[in-house]
N, C-alpha and C. Protein backbone atom coordinates (compact mmCIF):
# COMPACT_ATOMS: atom_id res chain seq x y z
N MET A 1 0.85 -1.17 0.00
CA MET A 1 0.00 0.00 0.00
C MET A 1 0.89 1.23 0.00
N ARG A 2 0.49 2.21 -0.78
CA ARG A 2 1.28 3.43 -0.83
C ARG A 2 0.68 4.51 0.06
N ARG A 3 -0.60 4.83 -0.16
CA ARG A 3 -1.25 5.87 0.65
C ARG A 3 -2.75 5.69 0.64
N PHE A 4 -3.40 6.28 1.63
CA PHE A 4 -4.86 6.31 1.64
C PHE A 4 -5.32 7.58 2.34
N SER A 5 -6.56 7.95 2.08
CA SER A 5 -7.19 9.05 2.80
C SER A 5 -8.66 8.71 2.99
N LEU A 6 -9.27 9.36 3.97
CA LEU A 6 -10.67 9.13 4.29
C LEU A 6 -11.49 10.35 3.93
N GLU A 7 -12.71 10.10 3.43
CA GLU A 7 -13.66 11.17 3.14
C GLU A 7 -14.93 10.87 3.91
N GLY A 8 -15.52 11.89 4.51
CA GLY A 8 -16.73 11.71 5.29
C GLY A 8 -16.40 11.63 6.77
N ARG A 9 -17.45 11.39 7.57
CA ARG A 9 -17.27 11.27 9.02
C ARG A 9 -17.12 9.80 9.38
N TRP A 10 -16.06 9.48 10.12
CA TRP A 10 -15.76 8.11 10.52
C TRP A 10 -15.59 8.05 12.03
N ARG A 11 -16.02 6.95 12.64
CA ARG A 11 -15.70 6.69 14.04
C ARG A 11 -14.44 5.82 14.02
N LEU A 12 -13.37 6.33 14.60
CA LEU A 12 -12.09 5.64 14.60
C LEU A 12 -11.92 4.90 15.92
N ALA A 13 -11.72 3.59 15.84
CA ALA A 13 -11.46 2.77 17.02
C ALA A 13 -10.03 2.25 16.92
N GLU A 14 -9.61 1.52 17.92
CA GLU A 14 -8.23 1.05 17.96
C GLU A 14 -7.89 0.15 16.76
N GLN A 15 -8.84 -0.70 16.34
CA GLN A 15 -8.54 -1.63 15.25
C GLN A 15 -9.55 -1.57 14.10
N SER A 16 -10.42 -0.57 14.08
CA SER A 16 -11.44 -0.51 13.05
C SER A 16 -11.89 0.94 12.80
N ILE A 17 -12.58 1.12 11.68
CA ILE A 17 -13.23 2.39 11.40
C ILE A 17 -14.64 2.11 10.89
N THR A 18 -15.57 3.01 11.23
CA THR A 18 -16.97 2.85 10.88
C THR A 18 -17.52 4.19 10.40
N PRO A 19 -18.18 4.21 9.21
CA PRO A 19 -18.77 5.48 8.77
C PRO A 19 -19.90 5.91 9.70
N VAL A 20 -20.02 7.21 9.90
CA VAL A 20 -21.04 7.78 10.77
C VAL A 20 -22.02 8.55 9.91
N ASP A 21 -23.32 8.38 10.17
CA ASP A 21 -24.41 9.12 9.53
C ASP A 21 -24.68 8.72 8.09
N LYS A 22 -23.66 8.59 7.26
CA LYS A 22 -23.84 8.26 5.84
C LYS A 22 -22.59 7.54 5.35
N PRO A 23 -22.59 7.07 4.10
CA PRO A 23 -21.40 6.35 3.62
C PRO A 23 -20.12 7.18 3.74
N GLY A 24 -19.02 6.47 3.96
CA GLY A 24 -17.70 7.08 3.97
C GLY A 24 -16.89 6.50 2.82
N VAL A 25 -15.84 7.20 2.42
CA VAL A 25 -15.03 6.75 1.30
C VAL A 25 -13.57 6.65 1.73
N VAL A 26 -12.94 5.54 1.34
CA VAL A 26 -11.50 5.36 1.49
C VAL A 26 -10.91 5.54 0.09
N HIS A 27 -10.04 6.54 -0.08
CA HIS A 27 -9.32 6.74 -1.34
C HIS A 27 -8.00 5.99 -1.17
N LEU A 28 -7.80 4.94 -1.97
CA LEU A 28 -6.65 4.06 -1.79
C LEU A 28 -5.75 4.10 -3.01
N ASN A 29 -4.49 4.49 -2.79
CA ASN A 29 -3.45 4.47 -3.82
C ASN A 29 -2.60 3.23 -3.53
N TYR A 30 -2.67 2.22 -4.41
CA TYR A 30 -2.01 0.95 -4.12
C TYR A 30 -1.23 0.44 -5.33
N THR A 31 -0.34 -0.49 -5.06
CA THR A 31 0.35 -1.28 -6.09
C THR A 31 0.26 -2.73 -5.64
N ALA A 32 -0.51 -3.54 -6.37
CA ALA A 32 -0.71 -4.95 -6.03
C ALA A 32 -1.53 -5.61 -7.12
N ALA A 33 -1.57 -6.93 -7.11
CA ALA A 33 -2.46 -7.67 -8.01
C ALA A 33 -3.78 -7.98 -7.32
N ARG A 34 -3.75 -7.98 -5.99
CA ARG A 34 -4.93 -8.34 -5.23
C ARG A 34 -5.10 -7.41 -4.04
N VAL A 35 -6.33 -6.95 -3.83
CA VAL A 35 -6.66 -6.11 -2.68
C VAL A 35 -7.90 -6.71 -2.01
N GLN A 36 -7.80 -6.95 -0.71
CA GLN A 36 -8.92 -7.49 0.05
C GLN A 36 -9.25 -6.57 1.22
N LEU A 37 -10.52 -6.55 1.59
CA LEU A 37 -11.01 -5.73 2.69
C LEU A 37 -11.64 -6.64 3.73
N VAL A 38 -11.21 -6.51 4.98
CA VAL A 38 -11.80 -7.26 6.09
C VAL A 38 -12.87 -6.38 6.71
N GLU A 39 -14.11 -6.92 6.79
CA GLU A 39 -15.24 -6.10 7.22
C GLU A 39 -16.19 -6.91 8.10
N SER A 40 -17.09 -6.18 8.77
CA SER A 40 -18.19 -6.81 9.51
C SER A 40 -19.41 -5.90 9.42
N GLY A 41 -20.57 -6.49 9.62
CA GLY A 41 -21.81 -5.74 9.57
C GLY A 41 -22.61 -6.08 8.32
N ARG A 42 -23.56 -5.20 7.99
CA ARG A 42 -24.43 -5.39 6.84
C ARG A 42 -24.49 -4.09 6.06
N GLY A 43 -24.39 -4.20 4.73
CA GLY A 43 -24.45 -3.00 3.89
C GLY A 43 -23.81 -3.25 2.54
N THR A 44 -23.28 -2.18 1.95
CA THR A 44 -22.64 -2.30 0.64
C THR A 44 -21.26 -1.64 0.65
N VAL A 45 -20.39 -2.21 -0.18
CA VAL A 45 -19.08 -1.64 -0.45
C VAL A 45 -19.02 -1.44 -1.95
N THR A 46 -18.81 -0.20 -2.38
CA THR A 46 -18.74 0.11 -3.80
C THR A 46 -17.34 0.56 -4.14
N VAL A 47 -16.72 -0.11 -5.12
CA VAL A 47 -15.37 0.21 -5.55
C VAL A 47 -15.46 0.90 -6.91
N THR A 48 -14.83 2.08 -7.00
CA THR A 48 -14.78 2.82 -8.27
C THR A 48 -13.34 2.92 -8.72
N HIS A 49 -13.08 2.45 -9.95
CA HIS A 49 -11.75 2.46 -10.54
C HIS A 49 -11.55 3.76 -11.35
N PRO A 50 -10.30 4.10 -11.68
CA PRO A 50 -10.02 5.34 -12.41
C PRO A 50 -10.74 5.44 -13.77
N ASP A 51 -11.01 4.28 -14.39
CA ASP A 51 -11.70 4.30 -15.69
C ASP A 51 -13.22 4.45 -15.55
N GLY A 52 -13.71 4.59 -14.30
CA GLY A 52 -15.13 4.77 -14.06
C GLY A 52 -15.87 3.48 -13.76
N LYS A 53 -15.23 2.33 -13.92
CA LYS A 53 -15.86 1.05 -13.63
C LYS A 53 -16.20 0.98 -12.15
N ARG A 54 -17.45 0.55 -11.86
CA ARG A 54 -17.91 0.44 -10.48
C ARG A 54 -18.32 -0.99 -10.18
N GLU A 55 -17.95 -1.47 -9.01
CA GLU A 55 -18.34 -2.81 -8.55
C GLU A 55 -19.01 -2.65 -7.19
N VAL A 56 -20.22 -3.17 -7.07
CA VAL A 56 -20.98 -3.10 -5.83
C VAL A 56 -20.97 -4.47 -5.16
N HIS A 57 -20.52 -4.51 -3.92
CA HIS A 57 -20.48 -5.74 -3.12
C HIS A 57 -21.55 -5.62 -2.03
N HIS A 58 -22.51 -6.52 -2.04
CA HIS A 58 -23.54 -6.55 -1.00
C HIS A 58 -23.05 -7.44 0.13
N VAL A 59 -22.93 -6.87 1.31
CA VAL A 59 -22.34 -7.58 2.45
C VAL A 59 -23.46 -7.99 3.40
N SER A 60 -23.55 -9.30 3.67
CA SER A 60 -24.56 -9.79 4.60
C SER A 60 -23.96 -10.64 5.71
N SER A 61 -22.64 -10.81 5.68
CA SER A 61 -21.96 -11.54 6.75
C SER A 61 -20.54 -11.02 6.91
N ASP A 62 -19.99 -11.23 8.09
CA ASP A 62 -18.63 -10.78 8.37
C ASP A 62 -17.64 -11.58 7.54
N GLY A 63 -16.55 -10.94 7.10
CA GLY A 63 -15.56 -11.68 6.35
C GLY A 63 -14.62 -10.80 5.56
N THR A 64 -14.17 -11.33 4.44
CA THR A 64 -13.19 -10.66 3.59
C THR A 64 -13.76 -10.51 2.18
N LEU A 65 -13.66 -9.32 1.63
CA LEU A 65 -14.10 -9.05 0.26
C LEU A 65 -12.89 -8.93 -0.65
N ASP A 66 -12.97 -9.54 -1.83
CA ASP A 66 -11.97 -9.32 -2.87
C ASP A 66 -12.35 -8.05 -3.63
N LEU A 67 -11.60 -6.98 -3.43
CA LEU A 67 -11.89 -5.72 -4.12
C LEU A 67 -11.21 -5.65 -5.47
N VAL A 68 -10.00 -6.21 -5.56
CA VAL A 68 -9.23 -6.25 -6.81
C VAL A 68 -8.63 -7.63 -6.94
N ARG A 69 -8.80 -8.26 -8.12
CA ARG A 69 -8.18 -9.55 -8.44
C ARG A 69 -7.66 -9.46 -9.86
N ALA A 70 -6.38 -9.20 -9.99
CA ALA A 70 -5.76 -9.06 -11.31
C ALA A 70 -4.70 -10.14 -11.49
N SER A 71 -4.32 -10.40 -12.73
CA SER A 71 -3.32 -11.43 -13.00
C SER A 71 -1.90 -10.95 -12.70
N LYS A 72 -1.70 -9.63 -12.71
CA LYS A 72 -0.38 -9.09 -12.36
C LYS A 72 -0.55 -7.78 -11.59
N SER A 73 0.49 -7.40 -10.91
CA SER A 73 0.48 -6.20 -10.09
C SER A 73 0.25 -4.96 -10.93
N ARG A 74 -0.50 -4.01 -10.36
CA ARG A 74 -0.73 -2.73 -11.04
C ARG A 74 -0.82 -1.64 -9.98
N SER A 75 -0.65 -0.42 -10.43
CA SER A 75 -0.77 0.75 -9.55
C SER A 75 -1.97 1.57 -10.00
N GLU A 76 -2.80 1.94 -9.05
CA GLU A 76 -3.94 2.81 -9.35
C GLU A 76 -4.50 3.37 -8.05
N VAL A 77 -5.40 4.31 -8.19
CA VAL A 77 -6.14 4.86 -7.05
C VAL A 77 -7.59 4.44 -7.21
N ILE A 78 -8.12 3.75 -6.20
CA ILE A 78 -9.53 3.38 -6.22
C ILE A 78 -10.24 4.08 -5.07
N ASP A 79 -11.53 4.26 -5.24
CA ASP A 79 -12.38 4.80 -4.18
C ASP A 79 -13.23 3.65 -3.65
N ILE A 80 -13.21 3.46 -2.35
CA ILE A 80 -13.95 2.39 -1.70
C ILE A 80 -15.01 3.06 -0.83
N GLU A 81 -16.27 3.02 -1.29
CA GLU A 81 -17.37 3.62 -0.52
C GLU A 81 -17.97 2.56 0.39
N VAL A 82 -18.02 2.87 1.67
CA VAL A 82 -18.49 1.94 2.70
C VAL A 82 -19.79 2.49 3.28
N SER A 83 -20.86 1.71 3.19
CA SER A 83 -22.14 2.20 3.68
C SER A 83 -22.20 2.20 5.20
N LYS A 84 -23.11 3.01 5.72
CA LYS A 84 -23.39 2.98 7.15
C LYS A 84 -23.86 1.57 7.48
N GLY A 85 -23.45 1.05 8.63
CA GLY A 85 -23.81 -0.30 9.02
C GLY A 85 -22.66 -1.29 8.88
N LEU A 86 -21.57 -0.84 8.25
CA LEU A 86 -20.39 -1.68 8.10
C LEU A 86 -19.22 -1.11 8.90
N THR A 87 -18.39 -1.99 9.38
CA THR A 87 -17.14 -1.62 10.04
C THR A 87 -16.02 -2.29 9.25
N ILE A 88 -14.95 -1.55 8.99
CA ILE A 88 -13.82 -2.15 8.29
C ILE A 88 -12.60 -2.19 9.22
N TYR A 89 -11.82 -3.26 9.03
CA TYR A 89 -10.70 -3.54 9.94
C TYR A 89 -9.34 -3.42 9.27
N SER A 90 -9.22 -3.93 8.06
CA SER A 90 -7.92 -3.86 7.41
C SER A 90 -8.06 -4.10 5.92
N LEU A 91 -7.01 -3.67 5.21
CA LEU A 91 -6.85 -3.99 3.80
C LEU A 91 -5.64 -4.89 3.69
N THR A 92 -5.73 -5.93 2.85
CA THR A 92 -4.59 -6.80 2.62
C THR A 92 -4.26 -6.79 1.14
N PHE A 93 -2.99 -7.06 0.82
CA PHE A 93 -2.50 -6.93 -0.55
C PHE A 93 -1.69 -8.16 -0.94
N GLY A 94 -1.78 -8.52 -2.20
CA GLY A 94 -1.00 -9.65 -2.69
C GLY A 94 -0.53 -9.41 -4.11
């Protein structure tokens, strides 16, 4: 991971972050072939790529989401919109 920033109001805990009032966005600048998000709760995670492609993940159980699965490593900035009702714990890269 290279850098990230948060947009919106978030409740920051020792090991997690949770959007407050409305969806929050994680702007993630990464270099990897695979990006995963560890989450809990119920809601949606929407990933927007630089080319405008959007992927909506409907979350109904705690676990890990595959946000990016590519055959080789790449660098880009994605926006990860996390709905109210979800808590995120970490991003993993491969």
